[in-house]
Amino acid sequence: MNMQNKTIEMADMLRQNGKLNVVIVVLAVIFLSIVVYLFLQDKRLRSLEKKMKEKNNRN
């Protein structure tokens, strides 16, 4: 139970110092960056698959 109190104290300390918002923003930026990266990779992969299908249909 002592570990749980430490965790709560740490969250309270971050909230009091205004750093909790910074942590949330950094995590949100990282998450959004990963989502955008995966979306762009999916778009490129679809394009390559389409080109391959067109090439195979010609032969």
N, C-alpha and C. Protein backbone atom coordinates (compact mmCIF):
# COMPACT_ATOMS: atom_id res chain seq x y z
N MET A 1 0.83 -1.20 0.00
CA MET A 1 0.00 0.00 0.00
C MET A 1 0.87 1.26 0.00
N ASN A 2 2.08 1.16 0.47
CA ASN A 2 2.98 2.29 0.48
C ASN A 2 3.29 2.74 -0.94
N MET A 3 3.39 1.80 -1.88
CA MET A 3 3.68 2.12 -3.29
C MET A 3 2.53 2.93 -3.88
N GLN A 4 1.31 2.58 -3.52
CA GLN A 4 0.15 3.31 -4.03
C GLN A 4 0.16 4.75 -3.53
N ASN A 5 0.52 4.96 -2.28
CA ASN A 5 0.60 6.32 -1.74
C ASN A 5 1.68 7.14 -2.46
N LYS A 6 2.81 6.49 -2.78
CA LYS A 6 3.88 7.19 -3.50
C LYS A 6 3.40 7.63 -4.88
N THR A 7 2.65 6.74 -5.54
CA THR A 7 2.14 7.05 -6.87
C THR A 7 1.18 8.23 -6.80
N ILE A 8 0.32 8.24 -5.82
CA ILE A 8 -0.63 9.34 -5.67
C ILE A 8 0.10 10.63 -5.33
N GLU A 9 1.12 10.54 -4.49
CA GLU A 9 1.90 11.73 -4.14
C GLU A 9 2.61 12.30 -5.37
N MET A 10 3.14 11.41 -6.20
CA MET A 10 3.83 11.87 -7.39
C MET A 10 2.85 12.57 -8.34
N ALA A 11 1.67 12.02 -8.52
CA ALA A 11 0.66 12.65 -9.38
C ALA A 11 0.25 13.99 -8.82
N ASP A 12 0.07 14.06 -7.50
CA ASP A 12 -0.29 15.34 -6.88
C ASP A 12 0.81 16.37 -7.06
N MET A 13 2.05 15.94 -6.92
CA MET A 13 3.19 16.86 -7.08
C MET A 13 3.24 17.38 -8.52
N LEU A 14 3.06 16.50 -9.50
CA LEU A 14 3.08 16.94 -10.90
C LEU A 14 1.93 17.91 -11.17
N ARG A 15 0.79 17.62 -10.61
CA ARG A 15 -0.37 18.49 -10.82
C ARG A 15 -0.14 19.87 -10.18
N GLN A 16 0.45 19.90 -9.00
CA GLN A 16 0.71 21.17 -8.32
C GLN A 16 1.75 21.99 -9.07
N ASN A 17 2.74 21.34 -9.62
CA ASN A 17 3.80 22.06 -10.34
C ASN A 17 3.39 22.43 -11.76
N GLY A 18 2.25 21.96 -12.20
CA GLY A 18 1.79 22.25 -13.55
C GLY A 18 2.47 21.41 -14.61
N LYS A 19 3.18 20.38 -14.18
CA LYS A 19 3.91 19.54 -15.12
C LYS A 19 3.06 18.39 -15.65
N LEU A 20 1.95 18.13 -15.01
CA LEU A 20 1.08 17.05 -15.48
C LEU A 20 0.56 17.36 -16.88
N ASN A 21 0.26 18.63 -17.12
CA ASN A 21 -0.21 19.03 -18.45
C ASN A 21 0.87 18.80 -19.50
N VAL A 22 2.11 19.04 -19.14
CA VAL A 22 3.22 18.83 -20.06
C VAL A 22 3.34 17.34 -20.40
N VAL A 23 3.21 16.50 -19.41
CA VAL A 23 3.28 15.05 -19.63
C VAL A 23 2.16 14.61 -20.56
N ILE A 24 0.96 15.11 -20.33
CA ILE A 24 -0.19 14.75 -21.16
C ILE A 24 0.02 15.22 -22.59
N VAL A 25 0.51 16.43 -22.77
CA VAL A 25 0.74 16.96 -24.12
C VAL A 25 1.81 16.15 -24.84
N VAL A 26 2.88 15.81 -24.17
CA VAL A 26 3.96 15.03 -24.80
C VAL A 26 3.43 13.66 -25.22
N LEU A 27 2.67 13.00 -24.35
CA LEU A 27 2.10 11.70 -24.71
C LEU A 27 1.13 11.81 -25.88
N ALA A 28 0.34 12.88 -25.91
CA ALA A 28 -0.60 13.08 -27.02
C ALA A 28 0.14 13.31 -28.33
N VAL A 29 1.22 14.08 -28.30
CA VAL A 29 2.00 14.33 -29.52
C VAL A 29 2.62 13.03 -30.03
N ILE A 30 3.15 12.23 -29.13
CA ILE A 30 3.75 10.95 -29.52
C ILE A 30 2.68 10.05 -30.14
N PHE A 31 1.53 9.95 -29.49
CA PHE A 31 0.45 9.10 -29.99
C PHE A 31 -0.02 9.56 -31.37
N LEU A 32 -0.24 10.86 -31.52
CA LEU A 32 -0.70 11.38 -32.80
C LEU A 32 0.35 11.19 -33.90
N SER A 33 1.61 11.32 -33.55
CA SER A 33 2.68 11.11 -34.52
C SER A 33 2.67 9.67 -35.03
N ILE A 34 2.48 8.73 -34.13
CA ILE A 34 2.42 7.32 -34.52
C ILE A 34 1.22 7.06 -35.42
N VAL A 35 0.08 7.64 -35.08
CA VAL A 35 -1.13 7.46 -35.89
C VAL A 35 -0.93 8.03 -37.29
N VAL A 36 -0.38 9.22 -37.39
CA VAL A 36 -0.14 9.84 -38.70
C VAL A 36 0.86 9.00 -39.51
N TYR A 37 1.91 8.55 -38.87
CA TYR A 37 2.92 7.72 -39.55
C TYR A 37 2.28 6.45 -40.11
N LEU A 38 1.48 5.77 -39.29
CA LEU A 38 0.82 4.54 -39.75
C LEU A 38 -0.15 4.82 -40.89
N PHE A 39 -0.87 5.93 -40.82
CA PHE A 39 -1.79 6.30 -41.89
C PHE A 39 -1.05 6.51 -43.19
N LEU A 40 0.06 7.24 -43.15
CA LEU A 40 0.84 7.51 -44.36
C LEU A 40 1.44 6.22 -44.93
N GLN A 41 1.91 5.33 -44.06
CA GLN A 41 2.45 4.06 -44.53
C GLN A 41 1.36 3.22 -45.19
N ASP A 42 0.17 3.23 -44.63
CA ASP A 42 -0.94 2.49 -45.20
C ASP A 42 -1.30 3.04 -46.58
N LYS A 43 -1.27 4.35 -46.71
CA LYS A 43 -1.58 4.99 -47.99
C LYS A 43 -0.55 4.60 -49.04
N ARG A 44 0.72 4.61 -48.67
CA ARG A 44 1.79 4.22 -49.61
C ARG A 44 1.66 2.75 -50.00
N LEU A 45 1.36 1.91 -49.03
CA LEU A 45 1.22 0.48 -49.30
C LEU A 45 0.05 0.21 -50.25
N ARG A 46 -1.06 0.89 -50.06
CA ARG A 46 -2.20 0.74 -50.96
C ARG A 46 -1.82 1.14 -52.39
N SER A 47 -1.07 2.22 -52.50
CA SER A 47 -0.64 2.69 -53.81
C SER A 47 0.25 1.65 -54.50
N LEU A 48 1.20 1.08 -53.76
CA LEU A 48 2.08 0.06 -54.32
C LEU A 48 1.29 -1.19 -54.71
N GLU A 49 0.34 -1.59 -53.88
CA GLU A 49 -0.48 -2.76 -54.20
C GLU A 49 -1.29 -2.52 -55.46
N LYS A 50 -1.82 -1.32 -55.61
CA LYS A 50 -2.60 -0.99 -56.80
C LYS A 50 -1.72 -1.06 -58.05
N LYS A 51 -0.50 -0.51 -57.97
CA LYS A 51 0.42 -0.55 -59.10
C LYS A 51 0.79 -1.99 -59.46
N MET A 52 1.01 -2.82 -58.45
CA MET A 52 1.35 -4.21 -58.71
C MET A 52 0.20 -4.95 -59.38
N LYS A 53 -1.01 -4.71 -58.94
CA LYS A 53 -2.18 -5.35 -59.56
C LYS A 53 -2.32 -4.93 -61.01
N GLU A 54 -2.13 -3.63 -61.27
CA GLU A 54 -2.23 -3.13 -62.65
C GLU A 54 -1.14 -3.76 -63.52
N LYS A 55 0.04 -3.88 -62.99
CA LYS A 55 1.15 -4.47 -63.74
C LYS A 55 0.88 -5.94 -64.02
N ASN A 56 0.36 -6.66 -63.06
CA ASN A 56 0.06 -8.09 -63.23
C ASN A 56 -1.09 -8.30 -64.20
N ASN A 57 -2.04 -7.39 -64.23
CA ASN A 57 -3.17 -7.52 -65.15
C ASN A 57 -2.75 -7.28 -66.59
N ARG A 58 -1.73 -6.52 -66.82
CA ARG A 58 -1.25 -6.24 -68.18
C ARG A 58 -0.59 -7.49 -68.78
N ASN A 59 0.05 -8.27 -67.91
CA ASN A 59 0.80 -9.44 -68.40
C ASN A 59 -0.09 -10.59 -68.63
